[in-house]
N, C-alpha and C. Protein backbone atom coordinates (compact mmCIF):
# COMPACT_ATOMS: atom_id res chain seq x y z
N MET A 1 90.95 95.51 99.97
CA MET A 1 89.63 95.49 99.50
C MET A 1 89.64 94.75 98.21
N VAL A 2 88.44 93.85 97.98
CA VAL A 2 88.33 93.30 96.75
C VAL A 2 87.38 93.85 95.90
N ARG A 3 87.15 93.91 94.66
CA ARG A 3 86.47 94.47 94.10
C ARG A 3 85.67 93.38 93.01
N GLY A 4 84.30 93.69 92.70
CA GLY A 4 83.88 92.52 91.82
C GLY A 4 84.39 93.34 90.45
N ASP A 5 84.79 92.12 89.45
CA ASP A 5 85.10 92.90 88.18
C ASP A 5 84.19 92.81 87.17
N SER A 6 83.64 93.06 85.88
CA SER A 6 82.69 93.06 84.89
C SER A 6 81.72 91.86 84.91
N SER A 7 82.25 90.60 85.44
CA SER A 7 81.98 89.21 85.15
C SER A 7 81.19 88.96 86.43
N GLY A 8 81.68 89.78 87.48
CA GLY A 8 80.85 89.69 88.84
C GLY A 8 82.20 88.68 89.49
N GLN A 9 83.31 88.44 89.26
CA GLN A 9 84.02 87.65 89.81
C GLN A 9 84.91 88.33 90.89
N ARG A 10 85.30 87.71 91.64
CA ARG A 10 86.42 88.23 92.57
C ARG A 10 87.50 88.21 92.11
N SER A 11 88.70 89.03 92.52
CA SER A 11 89.92 88.68 92.25
C SER A 11 90.94 89.78 93.19
N GLY A 12 91.48 89.08 93.94
CA GLY A 12 92.62 89.46 94.65
C GLY A 12 93.86 89.90 94.44
N PHE A 13 94.36 89.40 92.80
CA PHE A 13 95.37 89.60 92.36
C PHE A 13 95.74 91.04 91.95
N GLY A 14 94.81 92.03 91.55
CA GLY A 14 95.39 93.45 91.61
C GLY A 14 95.37 93.87 92.95
N CYS A 15 94.63 93.59 93.94
CA CYS A 15 94.42 94.09 95.34
C CYS A 15 95.72 93.90 95.65
N ARG A 16 96.32 92.56 95.64
CA ARG A 16 97.61 92.31 96.28
C ARG A 16 98.65 92.91 95.41
N ALA A 17 98.78 93.02 94.48
CA ALA A 17 99.93 93.94 93.74
C ALA A 17 99.74 95.43 93.82
N GLY A 18 99.07 95.99 94.53
CA GLY A 18 98.93 97.22 95.24
C GLY A 18 99.21 97.55 96.27
N ILE A 19 99.12 96.58 97.13
CA ILE A 19 99.27 96.13 98.43
C ILE A 19 100.73 96.14 98.36
N HIS A 20 101.59 95.56 97.56
CA HIS A 20 103.07 95.34 97.31
C HIS A 20 103.75 95.98 96.71
N GLN A 21 103.18 97.22 96.49
CA GLN A 21 104.01 97.87 95.48
C GLN A 21 105.57 98.08 95.89
N PRO A 22 105.83 98.12 97.34
CA PRO A 22 107.13 98.61 97.79
C PRO A 22 108.05 97.38 97.36
N ALA A 23 107.75 96.44 97.00
CA ALA A 23 108.94 95.28 96.84
C ALA A 23 108.84 95.17 95.04
N CYS A 24 107.76 95.49 94.21
CA CYS A 24 107.44 95.48 93.04
C CYS A 24 108.45 97.17 92.62
N GLY A 25 108.36 98.01 93.60
CA GLY A 25 109.15 99.46 93.02
C GLY A 25 110.52 99.52 93.06
N PHE A 26 111.08 98.12 93.08
CA PHE A 26 112.77 97.94 93.41
C PHE A 26 113.27 97.89 91.85
N SER A 27 112.61 99.23 91.25
CA SER A 27 113.31 99.06 89.66
C SER A 27 114.87 99.14 89.75
N ASP A 28 115.62 99.94 90.77
CA ASP A 28 116.58 99.90 90.80
C ASP A 28 117.35 98.57 90.64
N ALA A 29 116.72 97.45 91.71
CA ALA A 29 116.98 96.61 92.01
C ALA A 29 117.30 95.55 91.04
N SER A 30 116.56 95.35 90.36
CA SER A 30 116.06 94.66 89.29
C SER A 30 118.00 95.10 88.22
N ALA A 31 118.49 96.36 88.50
CA ALA A 31 119.53 96.62 87.66
C ALA A 31 120.81 96.00 88.51
N LEU A 32 120.96 95.84 89.82
CA LEU A 32 121.72 95.26 90.53
C LEU A 32 121.56 93.64 90.80
N ALA A 33 120.51 93.03 90.19
CA ALA A 33 120.62 91.77 90.33
C ALA A 33 120.95 91.18 89.19
N GLY A 34 121.78 90.07 89.21
CA GLY A 34 122.19 89.42 88.41
C GLY A 34 122.67 87.58 88.42
N GLN A 35 122.76 86.95 87.44
CA GLN A 35 122.72 85.85 87.47
C GLN A 35 124.25 85.20 87.91
N GLY A 36 123.87 84.44 88.86
CA GLY A 36 124.49 83.68 89.67
C GLY A 36 125.21 84.53 90.98
N GLN A 37 124.54 85.33 91.38
CA GLN A 37 124.70 86.13 92.84
C GLN A 37 124.24 85.59 93.74
N ASN A 38 124.50 86.02 95.20
CA ASN A 38 124.09 85.71 96.09
C ASN A 38 123.01 86.91 97.05
N ARG A 39 121.99 86.64 97.43
CA ARG A 39 121.06 87.52 98.35
C ARG A 39 120.71 87.11 99.35
N LEU A 40 120.55 88.18 100.25
CA LEU A 40 120.27 87.85 101.61
C LEU A 40 119.05 88.89 102.03
N LEU A 41 117.83 88.10 102.50
CA LEU A 41 116.51 88.75 102.56
C LEU A 41 116.28 88.57 104.21
N SER A 42 115.85 90.00 104.88
CA SER A 42 115.43 89.77 106.18
C SER A 42 113.96 89.72 106.13
N ALA A 43 113.14 89.61 107.23
CA ALA A 43 112.01 89.48 107.57
C ALA A 43 111.40 88.45 106.18
N ALA A 44 111.92 87.33 105.77
CA ALA A 44 111.78 86.87 104.56
C ALA A 44 110.54 85.69 104.82
N GLY A 45 109.85 86.19 105.80
CA GLY A 45 108.47 85.28 105.92
C GLY A 45 107.36 86.54 105.29
N SER A 46 107.92 87.67 105.07
CA SER A 46 106.87 88.67 104.32
C SER A 46 106.51 88.52 103.05
N SER A 47 105.59 88.81 102.42
CA SER A 47 105.34 88.88 101.19
C SER A 47 106.14 89.98 100.51
N CYS A 48 106.68 90.76 100.93
CA CYS A 48 107.89 91.48 99.79
C CYS A 48 109.07 90.71 100.22
N ALA A 49 109.21 90.36 100.79
CA ALA A 49 110.57 89.60 100.83
C ALA A 49 110.40 88.17 100.18
N GLU A 50 109.32 87.47 100.14
CA GLU A 50 109.27 86.43 99.48
C GLU A 50 109.03 86.90 97.70
N TYR A 51 108.47 87.92 97.45
CA TYR A 51 108.61 88.37 96.02
C TYR A 51 110.26 88.45 95.68
N LEU A 52 110.74 89.27 96.35
CA LEU A 52 111.98 89.37 96.03
C LEU A 52 113.16 88.12 96.41
N GLY A 53 112.78 87.39 96.59
CA GLY A 53 113.54 85.80 96.72
C GLY A 53 112.89 85.02 95.48
N ARG A 54 111.74 85.11 95.44
CA ARG A 54 111.26 84.34 93.95
C ARG A 54 111.59 84.94 92.69
N TRP A 55 111.84 86.29 92.83
CA TRP A 55 112.51 86.94 91.54
C TRP A 55 113.94 86.80 91.49
N ALA A 56 114.33 86.32 92.58
CA ALA A 56 116.18 86.42 92.48
C ALA A 56 116.16 85.08 92.05
N ILE A 57 115.44 84.03 92.16
CA ILE A 57 115.62 82.68 91.63
C ILE A 57 115.03 82.19 90.35
N HIS A 58 114.23 83.15 90.15
CA HIS A 58 114.13 83.33 88.43
C HIS A 58 115.05 83.89 87.63
N GLN A 59 115.63 85.00 88.34
CA GLN A 59 117.28 85.50 87.69
C GLN A 59 118.30 84.61 87.85
N GLU A 60 118.01 83.34 88.35
CA GLU A 60 119.12 82.39 88.60
C GLU A 60 120.14 83.04 89.53
N ALA A 61 119.82 83.35 90.35
CA ALA A 61 120.78 83.66 91.51
C ALA A 61 121.43 82.39 91.86
N CYS A 62 122.29 82.61 92.65
CA CYS A 62 123.20 81.24 92.75
C CYS A 62 122.60 80.90 94.12
N ARG A 63 122.50 81.65 95.27
CA ARG A 63 121.90 81.71 96.49
C ARG A 63 121.02 82.37 96.87
N VAL A 64 119.86 82.12 97.44
CA VAL A 64 119.01 83.06 97.98
C VAL A 64 118.55 82.61 99.67
N ILE A 65 118.86 83.40 100.25
CA ILE A 65 118.93 83.47 101.94
C ILE A 65 118.17 84.02 102.69
N GLY A 66 117.22 83.13 103.46
CA GLY A 66 116.22 84.22 104.26
C GLY A 66 116.28 84.29 105.41
N LYS A 67 116.49 85.03 106.14
CA LYS A 67 116.46 85.28 107.68
C LYS A 67 114.76 85.30 108.24
N TYR A 68 114.78 84.26 109.14
CA TYR A 68 112.93 84.12 109.81
C TYR A 68 113.13 84.21 111.31
N ARG A 69 112.18 84.89 111.90
CA ARG A 69 111.73 84.61 113.27
C ARG A 69 111.17 83.49 113.88
N SER A 70 110.00 83.31 113.13
CA SER A 70 108.64 82.37 113.21
C SER A 70 109.00 80.90 112.72
N GLU A 71 109.01 79.88 113.23
CA GLU A 71 109.40 78.73 112.76
C GLU A 71 108.41 78.34 111.56
N VAL A 72 107.25 78.77 111.83
CA VAL A 72 105.80 78.43 110.85
C VAL A 72 106.52 78.88 109.09
N ARG A 73 107.64 79.85 109.31
CA ARG A 73 107.99 80.55 108.16
C ARG A 73 108.74 79.50 107.21
N ALA A 74 109.66 78.65 108.15
CA ALA A 74 110.93 78.20 107.55
C ALA A 74 110.64 77.44 106.57
N GLU A 75 109.57 76.54 106.71
CA GLU A 75 109.12 75.69 105.75
C GLU A 75 109.01 76.17 104.37
N ARG A 76 108.12 77.07 104.31
CA ARG A 76 107.30 77.40 103.21
C ARG A 76 108.80 78.31 102.67
N LEU A 77 109.81 78.95 103.27
CA LEU A 77 111.02 79.63 102.28
C LEU A 77 111.53 78.31 101.90
N LEU A 78 111.91 77.18 102.58
CA LEU A 78 112.49 76.05 101.93
C LEU A 78 111.75 75.85 100.85
N ARG A 79 110.19 75.63 100.63
CA ARG A 79 109.39 74.98 99.48
C ARG A 79 109.80 75.91 98.40
N MET A 80 110.23 76.98 98.57
CA MET A 80 110.15 77.92 97.72
C MET A 80 111.70 77.87 97.14
N GLY A 81 112.43 77.24 97.82
CA GLY A 81 113.89 77.15 96.99
C GLY A 81 114.72 78.26 97.61
N ILE A 82 114.24 79.03 99.23
CA ILE A 82 115.21 79.84 99.88
C ILE A 82 115.57 79.27 100.96
N GLU A 83 117.03 79.36 100.86
CA GLU A 83 117.37 78.87 102.12
C GLU A 83 117.14 79.56 103.58
N ALA A 84 116.51 78.66 104.75
CA ALA A 84 116.17 79.59 105.94
C ALA A 84 117.31 79.46 106.80
N ILE A 85 117.50 81.23 107.70
CA ILE A 85 118.15 81.34 108.51
C ILE A 85 117.41 82.02 109.82
N ARG A 86 117.45 81.18 111.23
CA ARG A 86 117.14 81.60 112.14
C ARG A 86 117.63 83.11 112.51
N ILE A 87 116.83 83.89 112.58
CA ILE A 87 117.29 85.30 113.19
C ILE A 87 118.16 85.13 114.32
N SER A 88 118.18 84.13 115.05
CA SER A 88 118.87 84.40 116.45
C SER A 88 120.40 83.68 116.18
N ASP A 89 120.72 83.12 114.75
CA ASP A 89 121.74 82.47 114.54
C ASP A 89 122.74 83.04 113.68
N ARG A 90 123.39 84.06 114.85
CA ARG A 90 124.30 85.15 114.28
C ARG A 90 125.53 84.72 113.57
N ASP A 91 125.86 83.57 113.65
CA ASP A 91 127.26 83.22 113.22
C ASP A 91 126.92 82.70 111.58
N THR A 92 125.86 82.38 111.28
CA THR A 92 125.39 81.80 110.19
C THR A 92 124.62 83.56 109.27
N ILE A 93 124.36 84.12 109.84
CA ILE A 93 123.96 85.46 109.35
C ILE A 93 125.46 85.99 108.71
N SER A 94 126.29 86.23 109.73
CA SER A 94 127.59 86.95 109.56
C SER A 94 128.34 86.25 108.62
N ASP A 95 128.58 84.97 108.30
CA ASP A 95 128.89 84.52 107.12
C ASP A 95 128.10 84.65 105.58
N ALA A 96 126.69 84.84 105.98
CA ALA A 96 125.96 84.57 104.77
C ALA A 96 126.14 86.54 104.20
N ALA A 97 126.25 87.42 105.09
CA ALA A 97 126.73 88.58 105.04
C ALA A 97 128.00 88.97 104.23
N ARG A 98 128.96 88.00 104.69
CA ARG A 98 130.12 88.21 103.78
C ARG A 98 130.41 87.66 102.39
N HIS A 99 129.24 86.76 102.29
CA HIS A 99 129.27 86.42 100.87
C HIS A 99 128.16 86.57 100.10
N SER A 100 127.19 87.56 100.26
CA SER A 100 126.10 87.99 99.60
C SER A 100 126.43 89.10 98.79
N ASN A 101 126.23 89.34 97.62
CA ASN A 101 126.19 90.53 96.50
C ASN A 101 125.29 91.53 97.08
N ILE A 102 123.95 91.22 97.26
CA ILE A 102 123.03 92.27 97.73
C ILE A 102 122.10 91.25 98.74
N VAL A 103 121.92 92.73 99.80
CA VAL A 103 120.80 92.27 101.11
C VAL A 103 120.04 93.34 100.59
N PHE A 104 118.76 92.61 101.09
CA PHE A 104 117.25 93.51 101.13
C PHE A 104 116.72 93.50 102.40
N ASP A 105 116.88 94.45 102.85
CA ASP A 105 116.62 94.35 104.65
C ASP A 105 115.06 95.29 104.70
N ALA A 106 114.25 94.63 105.53
CA ALA A 106 113.02 95.71 106.12
C ALA A 106 112.80 95.57 107.24
N VAL A 107 113.86 95.63 108.31
CA VAL A 107 113.79 95.35 109.66
C VAL A 107 114.71 96.25 110.77
N GLY A 108 116.01 96.50 109.88
CA GLY A 108 116.70 97.52 110.64
C GLY A 108 117.42 96.97 112.40
N GLY A 109 118.10 97.58 113.04
CA GLY A 109 118.43 97.57 114.19
C GLY A 109 119.64 96.74 113.93
N GLU A 110 119.90 96.27 115.53
CA GLU A 110 121.12 95.66 115.49
C GLU A 110 121.96 94.87 114.54
N VAL A 111 120.90 94.02 114.29
CA VAL A 111 121.23 92.47 113.21
C VAL A 111 121.84 93.30 111.93
N ALA A 112 120.70 94.03 111.24
CA ALA A 112 120.98 94.57 110.16
C ALA A 112 122.31 95.59 109.98
N SER A 113 122.36 96.38 111.26
CA SER A 113 123.86 96.64 111.12
C SER A 113 124.93 96.03 111.20
N GLY A 114 124.97 95.03 111.88
CA GLY A 114 125.80 94.14 111.47
C GLY A 114 126.03 93.41 110.42
N VAL A 115 125.07 93.26 109.74
CA VAL A 115 125.14 92.63 108.29
C VAL A 115 126.15 93.80 107.30
N LEU A 116 125.38 94.89 107.56
CA LEU A 116 125.86 95.92 106.56
C LEU A 116 127.75 95.80 107.21
N HIS A 117 127.84 95.87 108.24
CA HIS A 117 129.26 96.05 108.34
C HIS A 117 130.20 94.79 108.17
N ARG A 118 129.79 93.84 107.83
CA ARG A 118 130.46 92.49 107.08
C ARG A 118 130.35 92.54 106.17
N MET A 119 129.78 93.18 105.23
CA MET A 119 129.52 92.92 103.59
C MET A 119 130.90 93.50 102.99
N ARG A 120 131.06 92.98 101.58
CA ARG A 120 132.38 93.31 100.89
C ARG A 120 132.09 94.49 100.13
N SER A 121 133.20 95.23 99.98
CA SER A 121 133.04 96.69 99.46
C SER A 121 132.11 96.55 97.83
N ASP A 122 132.10 95.34 97.38
CA ASP A 122 131.58 95.26 95.85
C ASP A 122 130.00 94.81 95.84
N ALA A 123 129.36 94.43 97.50
CA ALA A 123 128.17 94.76 97.63
C ALA A 123 127.18 95.57 98.15
N ASP A 124 126.11 95.17 97.80
CA ASP A 124 125.08 96.58 98.05
C ASP A 124 123.94 96.08 99.11
N PHE A 125 123.74 96.96 100.10
CA PHE A 125 122.69 96.90 101.13
C PHE A 125 121.64 97.60 100.86
N VAL A 126 120.24 97.16 100.48
CA VAL A 126 118.85 98.05 100.22
C VAL A 126 118.24 97.88 101.39
N ALA A 127 118.08 98.80 102.37
CA ALA A 127 117.22 99.14 103.23
C ALA A 127 115.80 99.68 102.94
N PHE A 128 114.69 99.06 103.08
CA PHE A 128 113.54 99.23 102.62
C PHE A 128 112.15 98.92 103.31
N GLY A 129 112.74 99.05 104.96
CA GLY A 129 111.61 99.05 106.08
C GLY A 129 112.38 99.18 107.41
N LEU A 130 111.62 99.37 108.21
CA LEU A 130 112.19 99.43 109.63
C LEU A 130 111.31 98.99 110.60
N LEU A 131 111.36 97.62 110.73
CA LEU A 131 110.28 96.98 111.43
C LEU A 131 110.60 96.80 112.91
N SER A 132 112.09 97.02 113.46
CA SER A 132 112.73 97.07 114.49
C SER A 132 112.30 98.57 115.18
N GLY A 133 112.09 99.40 114.15
CA GLY A 133 111.89 100.79 114.88
C GLY A 133 113.36 101.68 115.30
N THR A 134 114.15 100.58 114.95
CA THR A 134 115.69 101.15 114.83
C THR A 134 116.46 101.30 113.71
N PRO A 135 116.94 102.28 113.16
CA PRO A 135 117.75 102.58 112.00
C PRO A 135 118.67 101.59 111.75
N VAL A 136 119.23 101.66 110.53
CA VAL A 136 120.57 100.74 110.42
C VAL A 136 121.66 101.63 110.70
N THR A 137 122.81 101.12 111.27
CA THR A 137 124.11 101.94 111.67
C THR A 137 124.86 102.03 110.55
N VAL A 138 125.28 103.10 109.86
CA VAL A 138 126.25 102.49 109.03
C VAL A 138 127.60 103.18 109.50
N HIS A 139 128.71 102.33 110.16
CA HIS A 139 129.83 102.49 110.65
C HIS A 139 131.22 103.27 109.56
N ALA A 140 131.75 103.73 109.99
CA ALA A 140 132.73 104.20 109.11
C ALA A 140 133.69 103.55 108.46
N GLU A 141 133.60 102.42 108.67
CA GLU A 141 134.54 101.27 108.47
C GLU A 141 133.75 100.43 107.49
N SER A 142 132.39 100.68 107.38
CA SER A 142 131.34 99.58 106.55
C SER A 142 131.89 100.05 105.12
N GLN A 143 131.99 98.98 104.07
CA GLN A 143 132.29 98.79 102.97
C GLN A 143 131.07 98.91 102.14
N ALA A 144 130.23 98.30 102.17
CA ALA A 144 128.99 98.17 101.13
C ALA A 144 128.39 99.05 101.14
N ARG A 145 128.09 99.34 99.74
CA ARG A 145 127.32 100.59 99.09
C ARG A 145 125.53 100.41 99.66
N TYR A 146 125.28 101.54 100.43
CA TYR A 146 124.29 101.46 101.41
C TYR A 146 122.99 102.56 100.61
N HIS A 147 122.11 101.50 100.44
CA HIS A 147 120.84 102.50 99.53
C HIS A 147 119.79 102.25 100.39
N ARG A 148 118.56 103.34 100.37
CA ARG A 148 117.60 103.70 100.67
C ARG A 148 116.43 103.43 100.20
N PHE A 149 115.50 102.57 100.20
CA PHE A 149 113.99 102.96 99.20
C PHE A 149 112.75 102.57 100.34
N HIS A 150 112.11 103.83 100.19
CA HIS A 150 110.87 103.63 100.96
C HIS A 150 109.61 104.37 99.80
N LEU A 151 108.72 103.93 99.63
CA LEU A 151 107.58 104.35 98.77
C LEU A 151 107.20 105.50 99.02
N ARG A 152 107.04 106.15 100.14
CA ARG A 152 106.94 107.38 100.39
C ARG A 152 107.89 108.33 99.77
N ASP A 153 109.09 108.27 99.71
CA ASP A 153 109.80 109.12 98.57
C ASP A 153 109.63 109.13 97.43
N HIS A 154 108.87 108.17 96.94
CA HIS A 154 108.66 108.30 95.58
C HIS A 154 107.16 108.85 95.14
N LEU A 155 106.12 108.06 96.00
CA LEU A 155 104.84 108.57 95.77
C LEU A 155 104.62 109.84 95.61
N SER A 156 104.99 111.04 96.55
CA SER A 156 104.87 112.42 96.50
C SER A 156 105.19 113.17 95.22
N SER A 157 106.23 112.40 94.44
CA SER A 157 106.76 112.95 92.97
C SER A 157 106.07 112.55 91.94
N MET A 158 105.21 111.62 92.07
CA MET A 158 104.56 110.69 90.75
C MET A 158 103.18 111.16 90.65
N ASP A 159 103.07 111.40 89.28
CA ASP A 159 101.74 111.77 88.75
C ASP A 159 100.86 110.59 88.27
N GLN A 160 99.72 111.10 87.63
CA GLN A 160 99.09 109.87 87.32
C GLN A 160 99.46 109.06 86.29
N GLU A 161 100.22 109.49 85.47
CA GLU A 161 101.07 108.59 84.22
C GLU A 161 101.90 107.52 84.85
N GLU A 162 103.00 108.54 85.58
CA GLU A 162 103.90 107.90 86.23
C GLU A 162 103.71 106.66 86.87
N MET A 163 102.45 106.82 87.54
CA MET A 163 101.96 105.59 88.67
C MET A 163 101.82 104.72 87.57
N ARG A 164 100.83 105.23 86.59
CA ARG A 164 100.52 103.60 85.58
C ARG A 164 101.48 103.29 85.06
N LYS A 165 102.93 103.80 84.42
CA LYS A 165 103.62 103.15 84.36
C LYS A 165 104.52 102.19 84.84
N ALA A 166 104.49 102.64 86.47
CA ALA A 166 105.02 101.70 87.32
C ALA A 166 104.47 100.39 87.53
N TYR A 167 103.39 100.55 87.18
CA TYR A 167 102.24 99.24 87.68
C TYR A 167 102.22 98.52 86.32
N ALA A 168 102.21 99.03 85.03
CA ALA A 168 102.82 98.49 84.02
C ALA A 168 103.81 97.70 83.78
N GLU A 169 104.91 97.97 84.57
CA GLU A 169 106.37 97.70 85.07
C GLU A 169 106.03 96.05 85.85
N ILE A 170 104.87 96.55 86.81
CA ILE A 170 105.01 95.31 87.81
C ILE A 170 104.20 93.98 87.47
N TRP A 171 103.23 94.30 86.58
CA TRP A 171 102.41 92.97 86.07
C TRP A 171 103.55 92.02 85.56
N PRO A 172 104.65 92.07 84.59
CA PRO A 172 105.33 90.82 83.87
C PRO A 172 105.76 90.33 85.34
N TRP A 173 106.74 90.74 86.23
CA TRP A 173 107.12 90.73 87.48
C TRP A 173 106.23 89.62 88.15
N LEU A 174 104.61 90.22 88.49
CA LEU A 174 103.66 89.10 88.98
C LEU A 174 103.14 88.25 88.58
N ALA A 175 103.63 87.92 87.10
CA ALA A 175 103.50 87.15 86.46
C ALA A 175 104.34 85.59 86.51
N VAL A 176 105.56 86.23 86.45
CA VAL A 176 106.78 85.34 86.98
C VAL A 176 106.56 84.85 88.63
N ALA A 177 106.22 85.71 89.30
CA ALA A 177 105.87 85.05 90.67
C ALA A 177 104.57 85.51 91.41
N PRO A 178 103.59 84.74 90.68
CA PRO A 178 101.99 85.55 91.13
C PRO A 178 102.03 85.61 92.99
N PRO A 179 101.35 86.29 92.95
CA PRO A 179 100.94 86.40 94.62
C PRO A 179 100.42 84.75 95.37
N SER A 180 100.66 85.04 96.62
CA SER A 180 99.91 83.75 97.01
C SER A 180 98.50 84.02 97.32
N ALA A 181 97.40 82.93 97.49
CA ALA A 181 96.19 83.47 97.35
C ALA A 181 95.97 84.20 98.78
N PRO A 182 94.89 85.12 98.61
CA PRO A 182 94.22 85.51 100.14
C PRO A 182 93.64 84.54 100.38
N LYS A 183 93.01 85.41 101.34
CA LYS A 183 92.00 84.76 102.06
C LYS A 183 90.82 85.89 102.22
N VAL A 184 89.48 85.56 101.53
CA VAL A 184 88.97 86.50 101.55
C VAL A 184 87.63 86.78 102.28
N PHE A 185 87.45 87.41 102.93
CA PHE A 185 86.39 88.03 103.89
C PHE A 185 85.41 88.97 104.01
N ALA A 186 84.11 88.22 104.08
CA ALA A 186 83.15 89.69 103.72
C ALA A 186 83.40 90.82 104.56
N ALA A 187 82.70 92.08 104.43
CA ALA A 187 83.18 93.07 105.14
C ALA A 187 82.99 93.24 106.60
N LYS A 188 81.86 92.68 106.82
CA LYS A 188 81.11 92.29 108.55
C LYS A 188 82.22 91.06 109.13
N GLU A 189 82.86 90.65 108.63
CA GLU A 189 83.88 89.57 109.08
C GLU A 189 85.52 90.50 109.38
N TRP A 190 85.19 91.56 109.50
CA TRP A 190 86.47 92.44 109.57
C TRP A 190 87.54 91.63 110.84
N ARG A 191 86.72 91.53 111.94
CA ARG A 191 87.24 91.18 112.97
C ARG A 191 88.19 89.67 112.43
N GLU A 192 87.38 88.93 112.05
CA GLU A 192 87.90 87.66 111.77
C GLU A 192 89.05 87.64 110.68
N ALA A 193 88.87 88.96 110.26
CA ALA A 193 90.46 89.22 109.11
C ALA A 193 91.55 89.74 109.79
N LEU A 194 91.06 90.47 110.89
CA LEU A 194 92.47 90.67 111.98
C LEU A 194 93.04 89.69 112.29
N SER A 195 92.30 88.63 112.95
CA SER A 195 92.63 87.65 113.49
C SER A 195 93.68 86.78 112.49
N GLU A 196 93.24 86.60 111.34
CA GLU A 196 94.07 85.61 110.44
C GLU A 196 95.33 86.59 110.19
N ALA A 197 95.19 88.11 110.08
CA ALA A 197 96.70 89.02 109.91
C ALA A 197 97.48 88.53 111.04
N GLU A 198 97.16 88.07 112.24
CA GLU A 198 97.84 88.26 113.44
C GLU A 198 98.36 86.81 113.50
N ARG A 199 97.82 85.49 112.96
CA ARG A 199 98.30 84.29 112.99
C ARG A 199 99.20 83.74 112.12
N PRO A 200 100.25 83.61 113.34
CA PRO A 200 101.53 82.96 112.42
C PRO A 200 101.48 82.12 111.43
N GLY A 201 102.09 82.28 110.04
CA GLY A 201 102.11 81.48 108.86
C GLY A 201 100.35 81.87 108.38
N GLY A 202 99.51 82.65 108.48
CA GLY A 202 98.31 82.82 108.28
C GLY A 202 98.31 83.19 106.74
N CYS A 203 97.01 83.18 106.02
CA CYS A 203 96.87 83.75 104.64
C CYS A 203 97.06 85.34 104.82
N LYS A 204 97.30 85.96 103.82
CA LYS A 204 97.05 87.33 103.88
C LYS A 204 95.50 87.78 103.66
N PRO A 205 94.64 88.47 104.41
CA PRO A 205 93.21 88.72 104.52
C PRO A 205 92.94 89.75 103.50
N VAL A 206 92.01 89.69 103.04
CA VAL A 206 91.13 90.58 102.17
C VAL A 206 89.82 91.03 102.59
N LEU A 207 89.41 92.18 102.73
CA LEU A 207 88.01 92.17 102.90
C LEU A 207 87.39 92.74 101.67
N ASP A 208 86.20 92.18 101.66
CA ASP A 208 85.06 92.07 100.16
C ASP A 208 84.29 93.26 100.80
N MET A 209 84.50 94.42 100.06
CA MET A 209 83.48 95.37 100.29
C MET A 209 82.67 95.91 99.37
N THR A 210 82.19 94.63 98.45
CA THR A 210 81.30 94.68 97.09
C THR A 210 79.96 94.47 97.68
N VAL A 211 79.75 94.02 99.06
CA VAL A 211 78.64 93.81 99.72
C VAL A 211 78.74 94.44 101.17
N LEU A 212 78.29 95.48 101.51
CA LEU A 212 78.38 95.89 102.75
C LEU A 212 76.69 95.79 103.55
N GLU A 213 76.87 94.80 103.99
CA GLU A 213 75.56 94.36 104.74
C GLU A 213 75.91 93.96 106.44
C-alpha cells in the first residue's frame, strides 16, 4: 500500500522497506559479513536476495554469486555485479558452495541441502525461507554452521520501541542500496497488480489506497 505524505506525494520507499524487513532483519548477518568473503544467494532474483547481494558488494565481498531459475533474472544480477548461476547447474553450484564463506538460502529442498553438505567447517549457512516447501536436511557429516532466521520468530517478542529501533537500523542500509522502483497501481487496478506480480522480471506492484473509487 502507498500512502500520501504531508505534501500529497506518493512514496513507495517506506512501503518497500516494510515489506522487505526479512532481509533487513539480518542484523546477525552483518556480523558474519566481512571484506574479501565469498557469498552465495539462493532465489537471487528476489528482492530480499538483491538486498543481501548489493550489501555484500558494498561491504567489499570478494565474490557474490546468485542462483536463479528464470533467465530474465540473470541479466539483472550481472548488472548489479552478482555472478549468476542457473539453478540446474549443479556442478557450478557445488563448487560455489565449497568456496563460500556465507550462504543465504530462501528455498530449502534438495539443492540447499546439497550446498550445506559441501560447505567448509568455517562457513555459515543462513536459512531464511522455504520456497520449495521442503526443509533443509542437516546431515550428520555437515560441517558448516547452520543458522535459521524467520521473521515470525522475532515479531512475537518485539514491542513497539524495539520495532522502532529495528527500522532505525534499516534506513542507513536502504540508503546504501535503495529499493528498486515499484509500479504503482490504483486500488481498483488490483487485478493488473496481481498480473504484474506474476510476470517474470516484472516490477514489484504496490496498490495506492489513498483513493478508493
